[in-house]
N, C-alpha and C. Protein backbone atom coordinates (compact mmCIF):
# COMPACT_ATOMS: atom_id res chain seq x y z
N MET A 1 4.51 24.46 -10.02
CA MET A 1 5.38 23.31 -10.00
C MET A 1 5.02 22.37 -11.14
N MET A 2 6.01 21.65 -11.62
CA MET A 2 5.82 20.77 -12.77
C MET A 2 5.21 19.42 -12.40
N GLY A 3 5.39 18.96 -11.21
CA GLY A 3 4.92 17.64 -10.85
C GLY A 3 6.00 16.60 -11.12
N PHE A 4 5.62 15.36 -10.99
CA PHE A 4 6.56 14.25 -11.14
C PHE A 4 6.21 13.44 -12.37
N LYS A 5 7.20 12.75 -12.91
CA LYS A 5 6.98 11.76 -13.95
C LYS A 5 7.38 10.41 -13.37
N TYR A 6 6.53 9.42 -13.55
CA TYR A 6 6.83 8.11 -12.99
C TYR A 6 6.14 7.04 -13.80
N GLY A 7 6.58 5.83 -13.61
CA GLY A 7 5.99 4.69 -14.29
C GLY A 7 6.44 3.43 -13.59
N GLY A 8 5.87 2.32 -13.95
CA GLY A 8 6.24 1.06 -13.33
C GLY A 8 5.53 -0.10 -14.01
N PHE A 9 6.02 -1.28 -13.74
CA PHE A 9 5.38 -2.49 -14.25
C PHE A 9 5.71 -3.65 -13.33
N SER A 10 4.98 -4.70 -13.49
CA SER A 10 5.18 -5.90 -12.70
C SER A 10 4.90 -7.10 -13.60
N LYS A 11 5.53 -8.21 -13.29
CA LYS A 11 5.33 -9.43 -14.07
C LYS A 11 4.61 -10.47 -13.23
N VAL A 12 3.97 -11.40 -13.90
CA VAL A 12 3.32 -12.51 -13.22
C VAL A 12 4.39 -13.32 -12.49
N GLY A 13 4.10 -13.68 -11.26
CA GLY A 13 5.07 -14.42 -10.46
C GLY A 13 5.31 -15.84 -10.94
N PHE A 14 6.33 -16.44 -10.41
CA PHE A 14 6.72 -17.81 -10.73
C PHE A 14 5.59 -18.78 -10.38
N ARG A 15 5.22 -19.60 -11.33
CA ARG A 15 4.14 -20.59 -11.18
C ARG A 15 2.78 -19.96 -10.87
N ARG A 16 2.55 -18.77 -11.38
CA ARG A 16 1.28 -18.08 -11.18
C ARG A 16 0.62 -17.84 -12.53
N GLU A 17 -0.70 -17.78 -12.53
CA GLU A 17 -1.43 -17.47 -13.75
C GLU A 17 -1.80 -15.99 -13.83
N ASN A 18 -1.99 -15.36 -12.69
CA ASN A 18 -2.40 -13.95 -12.63
C ASN A 18 -1.34 -13.13 -11.92
N ASN A 19 -1.24 -11.87 -12.32
CA ASN A 19 -0.36 -10.95 -11.62
C ASN A 19 -1.11 -10.41 -10.41
N GLU A 20 -0.60 -10.70 -9.23
CA GLU A 20 -1.25 -10.29 -7.99
C GLU A 20 -0.60 -9.06 -7.37
N ASP A 21 0.49 -8.61 -7.97
CA ASP A 21 1.20 -7.45 -7.43
C ASP A 21 0.39 -6.18 -7.66
N PHE A 22 0.75 -5.14 -6.91
CA PHE A 22 0.04 -3.88 -7.05
C PHE A 22 1.03 -2.73 -6.88
N LEU A 23 0.89 -1.74 -7.73
CA LEU A 23 1.73 -0.55 -7.70
C LEU A 23 0.81 0.65 -7.56
N MET A 24 1.13 1.53 -6.62
CA MET A 24 0.33 2.73 -6.43
C MET A 24 1.27 3.90 -6.21
N VAL A 25 0.97 5.00 -6.87
CA VAL A 25 1.77 6.22 -6.75
C VAL A 25 0.85 7.36 -6.34
N LYS A 26 1.31 8.15 -5.39
CA LYS A 26 0.50 9.25 -4.88
C LYS A 26 1.39 10.48 -4.72
N GLU A 27 0.96 11.59 -5.31
CA GLU A 27 1.63 12.87 -5.13
C GLU A 27 0.97 13.61 -3.97
N PHE A 28 1.79 14.21 -3.15
CA PHE A 28 1.32 15.07 -2.07
C PHE A 28 1.82 16.47 -2.40
N GLY A 29 0.92 17.33 -2.86
CA GLY A 29 1.35 18.64 -3.30
C GLY A 29 2.30 18.47 -4.47
N GLY A 30 3.24 19.33 -4.59
CA GLY A 30 4.24 19.20 -5.63
C GLY A 30 5.60 18.82 -5.09
N ARG A 31 5.66 18.51 -3.78
CA ARG A 31 6.95 18.29 -3.13
C ARG A 31 7.23 16.85 -2.75
N MET A 32 6.19 16.03 -2.69
CA MET A 32 6.39 14.65 -2.23
C MET A 32 5.74 13.67 -3.20
N LEU A 33 6.41 12.55 -3.37
CA LEU A 33 5.89 11.47 -4.19
C LEU A 33 6.06 10.18 -3.40
N LEU A 34 4.98 9.46 -3.25
CA LEU A 34 5.02 8.17 -2.57
C LEU A 34 4.75 7.09 -3.61
N ALA A 35 5.65 6.14 -3.72
CA ALA A 35 5.46 5.00 -4.63
C ALA A 35 5.51 3.73 -3.79
N ILE A 36 4.46 2.93 -3.91
CA ILE A 36 4.37 1.68 -3.14
C ILE A 36 4.27 0.54 -4.13
N ILE A 37 5.09 -0.47 -3.92
CA ILE A 37 5.02 -1.69 -4.72
C ILE A 37 4.79 -2.82 -3.72
N ALA A 38 3.71 -3.57 -3.92
CA ALA A 38 3.36 -4.63 -2.98
C ALA A 38 3.22 -5.96 -3.69
N ASP A 39 3.76 -6.99 -3.09
CA ASP A 39 3.67 -8.35 -3.61
C ASP A 39 2.26 -8.89 -3.36
N GLY A 40 1.74 -9.62 -4.31
CA GLY A 40 0.38 -10.15 -4.20
C GLY A 40 0.21 -11.24 -3.17
N ALA A 41 1.28 -11.86 -2.72
CA ALA A 41 1.26 -12.84 -1.61
C ALA A 41 0.35 -14.03 -1.84
N GLY A 42 0.23 -14.49 -3.06
CA GLY A 42 -0.55 -15.71 -3.32
C GLY A 42 -2.04 -15.55 -3.16
N SER A 43 -2.58 -14.38 -3.43
CA SER A 43 -4.01 -14.16 -3.28
C SER A 43 -4.79 -14.82 -4.41
N GLU A 44 -6.02 -15.10 -4.16
CA GLU A 44 -6.91 -15.69 -5.16
C GLU A 44 -7.64 -14.57 -5.90
N PRO A 45 -7.85 -14.72 -7.22
CA PRO A 45 -8.49 -13.65 -8.00
C PRO A 45 -9.85 -13.18 -7.48
N SER A 46 -10.64 -14.06 -6.92
CA SER A 46 -11.99 -13.70 -6.49
C SER A 46 -12.05 -13.31 -5.01
N ARG A 47 -10.90 -13.22 -4.36
CA ARG A 47 -10.88 -12.92 -2.93
C ARG A 47 -10.13 -11.61 -2.67
N LEU A 48 -10.01 -11.29 -1.40
CA LEU A 48 -9.27 -10.11 -0.95
C LEU A 48 -7.90 -10.06 -1.63
N GLN A 49 -7.56 -8.91 -2.16
CA GLN A 49 -6.25 -8.69 -2.77
C GLN A 49 -5.38 -7.92 -1.78
N PRO A 50 -4.53 -8.62 -1.01
CA PRO A 50 -3.78 -7.96 0.05
C PRO A 50 -2.86 -6.85 -0.44
N ALA A 51 -2.26 -7.01 -1.60
CA ALA A 51 -1.35 -5.97 -2.11
C ALA A 51 -2.12 -4.69 -2.38
N GLN A 52 -3.27 -4.82 -3.00
CA GLN A 52 -4.09 -3.64 -3.31
C GLN A 52 -4.61 -2.99 -2.02
N LEU A 53 -5.09 -3.81 -1.12
CA LEU A 53 -5.60 -3.29 0.15
C LEU A 53 -4.49 -2.56 0.91
N ALA A 54 -3.30 -3.14 0.95
CA ALA A 54 -2.18 -2.53 1.67
C ALA A 54 -1.84 -1.16 1.09
N CYS A 55 -1.71 -1.08 -0.22
CA CYS A 55 -1.37 0.19 -0.86
C CYS A 55 -2.43 1.25 -0.60
N ARG A 56 -3.67 0.88 -0.80
CA ARG A 56 -4.76 1.85 -0.63
C ARG A 56 -4.87 2.34 0.81
N LYS A 57 -4.71 1.44 1.78
CA LYS A 57 -4.81 1.84 3.19
C LYS A 57 -3.64 2.75 3.60
N ILE A 58 -2.44 2.46 3.11
CA ILE A 58 -1.29 3.31 3.43
C ILE A 58 -1.52 4.71 2.89
N VAL A 59 -1.95 4.81 1.64
CA VAL A 59 -2.21 6.13 1.05
C VAL A 59 -3.34 6.83 1.79
N GLU A 60 -4.37 6.10 2.15
CA GLU A 60 -5.49 6.69 2.89
C GLU A 60 -5.02 7.27 4.22
N MET A 61 -4.19 6.53 4.93
CA MET A 61 -3.69 7.01 6.22
C MET A 61 -2.82 8.26 6.06
N LEU A 62 -1.95 8.25 5.06
CA LEU A 62 -1.08 9.41 4.85
C LEU A 62 -1.87 10.61 4.35
N ASN A 63 -2.93 10.37 3.58
CA ASN A 63 -3.81 11.47 3.16
C ASN A 63 -4.43 12.16 4.35
N ARG A 64 -4.82 11.37 5.35
CA ARG A 64 -5.42 11.96 6.55
C ARG A 64 -4.41 12.86 7.27
N VAL A 65 -3.17 12.42 7.35
CA VAL A 65 -2.14 13.24 7.99
C VAL A 65 -1.90 14.49 7.16
N TYR A 66 -1.76 14.34 5.86
CA TYR A 66 -1.46 15.45 4.95
C TYR A 66 -2.57 16.51 4.99
N ASP A 67 -3.81 16.08 5.05
CA ASP A 67 -4.97 16.96 5.22
C ASP A 67 -4.96 18.13 4.23
N ASP A 68 -4.95 17.80 2.95
CA ASP A 68 -4.97 18.81 1.88
C ASP A 68 -3.86 19.86 2.03
N GLY A 69 -2.71 19.43 2.50
CA GLY A 69 -1.56 20.33 2.61
C GLY A 69 -1.43 21.05 3.94
N LYS A 70 -2.44 20.95 4.78
CA LYS A 70 -2.39 21.65 6.06
C LYS A 70 -1.23 21.16 6.94
N ASN A 71 -0.88 19.88 6.78
CA ASN A 71 0.18 19.28 7.60
C ASN A 71 1.35 18.80 6.74
N GLU A 72 1.60 19.50 5.64
CA GLU A 72 2.65 19.08 4.72
C GLU A 72 4.02 18.98 5.41
N GLU A 73 4.39 20.00 6.16
CA GLU A 73 5.69 19.98 6.83
C GLU A 73 5.77 18.85 7.85
N LEU A 74 4.69 18.60 8.56
CA LEU A 74 4.66 17.50 9.52
C LEU A 74 4.91 16.17 8.81
N LEU A 75 4.25 15.96 7.68
CA LEU A 75 4.43 14.71 6.93
C LEU A 75 5.85 14.60 6.39
N ILE A 76 6.39 15.70 5.87
CA ILE A 76 7.77 15.67 5.35
C ILE A 76 8.76 15.37 6.47
N ASN A 77 8.62 16.05 7.58
CA ASN A 77 9.59 15.91 8.68
C ASN A 77 9.47 14.60 9.45
N SER A 78 8.31 13.97 9.38
CA SER A 78 8.09 12.74 10.14
C SER A 78 7.65 11.59 9.23
N ALA A 79 8.06 11.62 7.98
CA ALA A 79 7.62 10.61 7.00
C ALA A 79 7.92 9.20 7.46
N GLU A 80 9.09 8.97 8.02
CA GLU A 80 9.46 7.62 8.45
C GLU A 80 8.50 7.09 9.52
N ILE A 81 8.15 7.94 10.45
CA ILE A 81 7.23 7.53 11.52
C ILE A 81 5.85 7.21 10.95
N PHE A 82 5.32 8.10 10.10
CA PHE A 82 3.98 7.88 9.55
C PHE A 82 3.94 6.66 8.64
N LEU A 83 4.97 6.47 7.83
CA LEU A 83 5.01 5.28 6.96
C LEU A 83 5.09 4.00 7.78
N SER A 84 5.90 4.01 8.81
CA SER A 84 6.03 2.84 9.68
C SER A 84 4.70 2.50 10.35
N GLU A 85 4.02 3.51 10.87
CA GLU A 85 2.72 3.29 11.50
C GLU A 85 1.68 2.79 10.50
N ALA A 86 1.69 3.33 9.28
CA ALA A 86 0.75 2.91 8.26
C ALA A 86 0.98 1.45 7.88
N VAL A 87 2.23 1.06 7.72
CA VAL A 87 2.55 -0.33 7.36
C VAL A 87 2.16 -1.28 8.50
N MET A 88 2.44 -0.88 9.73
CA MET A 88 2.05 -1.73 10.87
C MET A 88 0.53 -1.87 10.95
N SER A 89 -0.20 -0.82 10.69
CA SER A 89 -1.66 -0.88 10.72
C SER A 89 -2.19 -1.82 9.65
N VAL A 90 -1.61 -1.74 8.46
CA VAL A 90 -2.03 -2.64 7.38
C VAL A 90 -1.73 -4.08 7.74
N ASN A 91 -0.57 -4.33 8.34
CA ASN A 91 -0.24 -5.70 8.76
C ASN A 91 -1.25 -6.22 9.78
N GLN A 92 -1.71 -5.35 10.66
CA GLN A 92 -2.73 -5.76 11.63
C GLN A 92 -4.04 -6.10 10.94
N ILE A 93 -4.42 -5.32 9.94
CA ILE A 93 -5.65 -5.58 9.19
C ILE A 93 -5.55 -6.93 8.49
N LEU A 94 -4.45 -7.16 7.80
CA LEU A 94 -4.27 -8.43 7.09
C LEU A 94 -4.19 -9.60 8.07
N GLY A 95 -3.56 -9.38 9.21
CA GLY A 95 -3.50 -10.42 10.23
C GLY A 95 -4.88 -10.76 10.76
N ALA A 96 -5.76 -9.77 10.86
CA ALA A 96 -7.13 -10.03 11.33
C ALA A 96 -7.88 -10.89 10.31
N PHE A 97 -7.69 -10.63 9.04
CA PHE A 97 -8.31 -11.48 8.02
C PHE A 97 -7.83 -12.92 8.17
N ARG A 98 -6.53 -13.09 8.35
CA ARG A 98 -5.96 -14.43 8.47
C ARG A 98 -6.48 -15.13 9.73
N THR A 99 -6.53 -14.41 10.82
CA THR A 99 -7.01 -14.99 12.07
C THR A 99 -8.48 -15.38 11.96
N ALA A 100 -9.26 -14.56 11.28
CA ALA A 100 -10.70 -14.82 11.15
C ALA A 100 -10.98 -16.04 10.27
N ASN A 101 -10.14 -16.29 9.29
CA ASN A 101 -10.38 -17.42 8.41
C ASN A 101 -9.06 -17.95 7.87
N GLU A 102 -8.41 -18.77 8.68
CA GLU A 102 -7.09 -19.33 8.34
C GLU A 102 -7.13 -20.13 7.05
N GLU A 103 -8.23 -20.82 6.80
CA GLU A 103 -8.32 -21.64 5.59
C GLU A 103 -8.30 -20.79 4.33
N VAL A 104 -9.05 -19.72 4.30
CA VAL A 104 -9.15 -18.88 3.12
C VAL A 104 -7.95 -17.94 2.98
N TYR A 105 -7.48 -17.39 4.09
CA TYR A 105 -6.44 -16.36 4.04
C TYR A 105 -5.11 -16.82 4.62
N SER A 106 -4.79 -18.09 4.50
CA SER A 106 -3.56 -18.62 5.08
C SER A 106 -2.30 -18.02 4.46
N GLY A 107 -2.38 -17.54 3.23
CA GLY A 107 -1.23 -16.97 2.56
C GLY A 107 -0.88 -15.57 2.98
N LEU A 108 -1.75 -14.91 3.72
CA LEU A 108 -1.48 -13.52 4.15
C LEU A 108 -0.45 -13.52 5.26
N ARG A 109 0.54 -12.66 5.11
CA ARG A 109 1.59 -12.56 6.12
C ARG A 109 1.78 -11.11 6.51
C-alpha cells in the first residue's frame, strides 16, 4: 500500500502570543487515517497543554483497540463508538485537572 499524504497548519489565535492549537495525524495500517485538530483553549505556555494532551490520549486509546492490526476490522466497523468514548475520556481527564485546581486550569472545558 502507498500510504496517505497529509498536511496541516494552524495560526495563532486572536489576541494570543503563542499558538496553542495542536494537530496530530495517525495512520492505522494502510486503510485508516485519523486526523485530530484541537484548539489550545487558552492554555499557558509553561502549563498543561490541553490540545496536545487530548490528541495524544485519543490516539493512545485507539492504538490499544487497534492492537497492531489484530482488531483492525473492529476499529473500522465501530470507529464512531471508539472515537466518542476516547473524546469523553479526554474530557473527563481535563475536567479533573480543572476540578483539582480551578485557579490554574479555569480555561479548560
